[in-house]
Amino acid sequence: MTNSTYTIILEPAEEGGFIVTVPALPEAGTQGETRGEALANAREAIALVIEDRLSRGEVLPADIKPEVERVTIAS
């Protein structure tokens, strides 16, 4: 098995913890109560999605590196 690297996005959840999204693998979204738990859950979710896609003969997508920008709006 080869190593795969995917960018994840960690966002604080309103109720606490973190929500994780994976731009290249949208079905691999997960969450965790702590940053460490969210990262561990992300690794597990990504591994499961990769296993599923490969079992169906799908080609794994390339990583997507989202651009993050901040904008200021006058109010």
C-alpha atoms as a PDB file:
ATOM      1  CA  MET A   1       0.000   0.000   0.000  1.00  0.00           C
ATOM      2  CA  THR A   2       1.257   3.478  -0.849  1.00  0.00           C
ATOM      3  CA  ASN A   3       0.922   6.568   1.291  1.00  0.00           C
ATOM      4  CA  SER A   4      -1.722   9.108   0.351  1.00  0.00           C
ATOM      5  CA  THR A   5      -1.854  12.647   1.676  1.00  0.00           C
ATOM      6  CA  TYR A   6      -5.040  14.682   1.703  1.00  0.00           C
ATOM      7  CA  THR A   7      -5.736  18.190   2.934  1.00  0.00           C
ATOM      8  CA  ILE A   8      -8.348  18.418   5.674  1.00  0.00           C
ATOM      9  CA  ILE A   9     -10.208  21.408   7.056  1.00  0.00           C
ATOM     10  CA  LEU A  10     -10.835  21.623  10.802  1.00  0.00           C
ATOM     11  CA  GLU A  11     -13.611  23.999  11.817  1.00  0.00           C
ATOM     12  CA  PRO A  12     -14.721  24.676  15.375  1.00  0.00           C
ATOM     13  CA  ALA A  13     -18.249  23.337  15.928  1.00  0.00           C
ATOM     14  CA  GLU A  14     -20.820  25.581  17.620  1.00  0.00           C
ATOM     15  CA  GLU A  15     -21.483  22.936  20.265  1.00  0.00           C
ATOM     16  CA  GLY A  16     -17.756  22.344  20.826  1.00  0.00           C
ATOM     17  CA  GLY A  17     -15.203  20.131  19.205  1.00  0.00           C
ATOM     18  CA  PHE A  18     -14.271  20.203  15.543  1.00  0.00           C
ATOM     19  CA  ILE A  19     -15.920  19.383  12.241  1.00  0.00           C
ATOM     20  CA  VAL A  20     -13.574  17.899   9.624  1.00  0.00           C
ATOM     21  CA  THR A  21     -14.037  18.066   5.873  1.00  0.00           C
ATOM     22  CA  VAL A  22     -11.813  16.601   3.170  1.00  0.00           C
ATOM     23  CA  PRO A  23     -12.135  18.629  -0.063  1.00  0.00           C
ATOM     24  CA  ALA A  24     -10.883  15.793  -2.307  1.00  0.00           C
ATOM     25  CA  LEU A  25     -13.009  13.152  -0.559  1.00  0.00           C
ATOM     26  CA  PRO A  26     -16.307  14.792   0.455  1.00  0.00           C
ATOM     27  CA  GLU A  27     -17.710  11.528   1.818  1.00  0.00           C
ATOM     28  CA  ALA A  28     -14.886  11.380   4.392  1.00  0.00           C
ATOM     29  CA  GLY A  29     -16.312  14.122   6.620  1.00  0.00           C
ATOM     30  CA  THR A  30     -16.139  13.497  10.359  1.00  0.00           C
ATOM     31  CA  GLN A  31     -15.807  15.268  13.693  1.00  0.00           C
ATOM     32  CA  GLY A  32     -14.184  15.025  17.104  1.00  0.00           C
ATOM     33  CA  GLU A  33     -14.474  16.492  20.586  1.00  0.00           C
ATOM     34  CA  THR A  34     -10.801  17.553  20.561  1.00  0.00           C
ATOM     35  CA  ARG A  35      -8.370  18.471  17.811  1.00  0.00           C
ATOM     36  CA  GLY A  36      -6.516  15.182  18.354  1.00  0.00           C
ATOM     37  CA  GLU A  37      -9.701  13.140  18.189  1.00  0.00           C
ATOM     38  CA  ALA A  38     -10.820  14.990  15.059  1.00  0.00           C
ATOM     39  CA  LEU A  39      -7.472  14.267  13.372  1.00  0.00           C
ATOM     40  CA  ALA A  40      -7.609  10.580  14.339  1.00  0.00           C
ATOM     41  CA  ASN A  41     -11.188  10.324  13.065  1.00  0.00           C
ATOM     42  CA  ALA A  42     -10.156  12.043   9.825  1.00  0.00           C
ATOM     43  CA  ARG A  43      -7.371   9.513   9.237  1.00  0.00           C
ATOM     44  CA  GLU A  44      -9.791   6.654   9.838  1.00  0.00           C
ATOM     45  CA  ALA A  45     -12.501   8.141   7.599  1.00  0.00           C
ATOM     46  CA  ILE A  46     -10.020   8.805   4.784  1.00  0.00           C
ATOM     47  CA  ALA A  47      -8.640   5.255   5.028  1.00  0.00           C
ATOM     48  CA  LEU A  48     -12.163   3.804   4.821  1.00  0.00           C
ATOM     49  CA  VAL A  49     -13.072   5.930   1.804  1.00  0.00           C
ATOM     50  CA  ILE A  50      -9.838   4.976   0.037  1.00  0.00           C
ATOM     51  CA  GLU A  51     -10.456   1.283   0.756  1.00  0.00           C
ATOM     52  CA  ASP A  52     -14.028   1.555  -0.538  1.00  0.00           C
ATOM     53  CA  ARG A  53     -13.071   3.427  -3.696  1.00  0.00           C
ATOM     54  CA  LEU A  54     -10.245   1.032  -4.508  1.00  0.00           C
ATOM     55  CA  SER A  55     -12.513  -2.007  -3.937  1.00  0.00           C
ATOM     56  CA  ARG A  56     -14.840  -0.568  -6.592  1.00  0.00           C
ATOM     57  CA  GLY A  57     -11.950  -0.031  -8.997  1.00  0.00           C
ATOM     58  CA  GLU A  58     -12.095   3.761  -8.772  1.00  0.00           C
ATOM     59  CA  VAL A  59      -9.050   5.943  -9.240  1.00  0.00           C
ATOM     60  CA  LEU A  60      -8.201   8.003  -6.174  1.00  0.00           C
ATOM     61  CA  PRO A  61      -8.498  11.755  -6.705  1.00  0.00           C
ATOM     62  CA  ALA A  62      -5.570  14.090  -6.327  1.00  0.00           C
ATOM     63  CA  ASP A  63      -5.443  16.230  -3.230  1.00  0.00           C
ATOM     64  CA  ILE A  64      -7.276  19.550  -3.364  1.00  0.00           C
ATOM     65  CA  LYS A  65      -5.588  22.425  -1.596  1.00  0.00           C
ATOM     66  CA  PRO A  66      -8.292  24.986  -0.882  1.00  0.00           C
ATOM     67  CA  GLU A  67      -7.454  28.661  -0.847  1.00  0.00           C
ATOM     68  CA  VAL A  68      -8.487  30.518   2.265  1.00  0.00           C
ATOM     69  CA  GLU A  69      -9.054  34.256   2.165  1.00  0.00           C
ATOM     70  CA  ARG A  70     -10.472  36.747   4.638  1.00  0.00           C
ATOM     71  CA  VAL A  71     -12.582  39.661   3.533  1.00  0.00           C
ATOM     72  CA  THR A  72     -13.675  42.680   5.543  1.00  0.00           C
ATOM     73  CA  ILE A  73     -17.125  44.137   5.024  1.00  0.00           C
ATOM     74  CA  ALA A  74     -17.920  47.619   6.299  1.00  0.00           C
ATOM     75  CA  SER A  75     -20.973  47.692   8.509  1.00  0.00           C
END
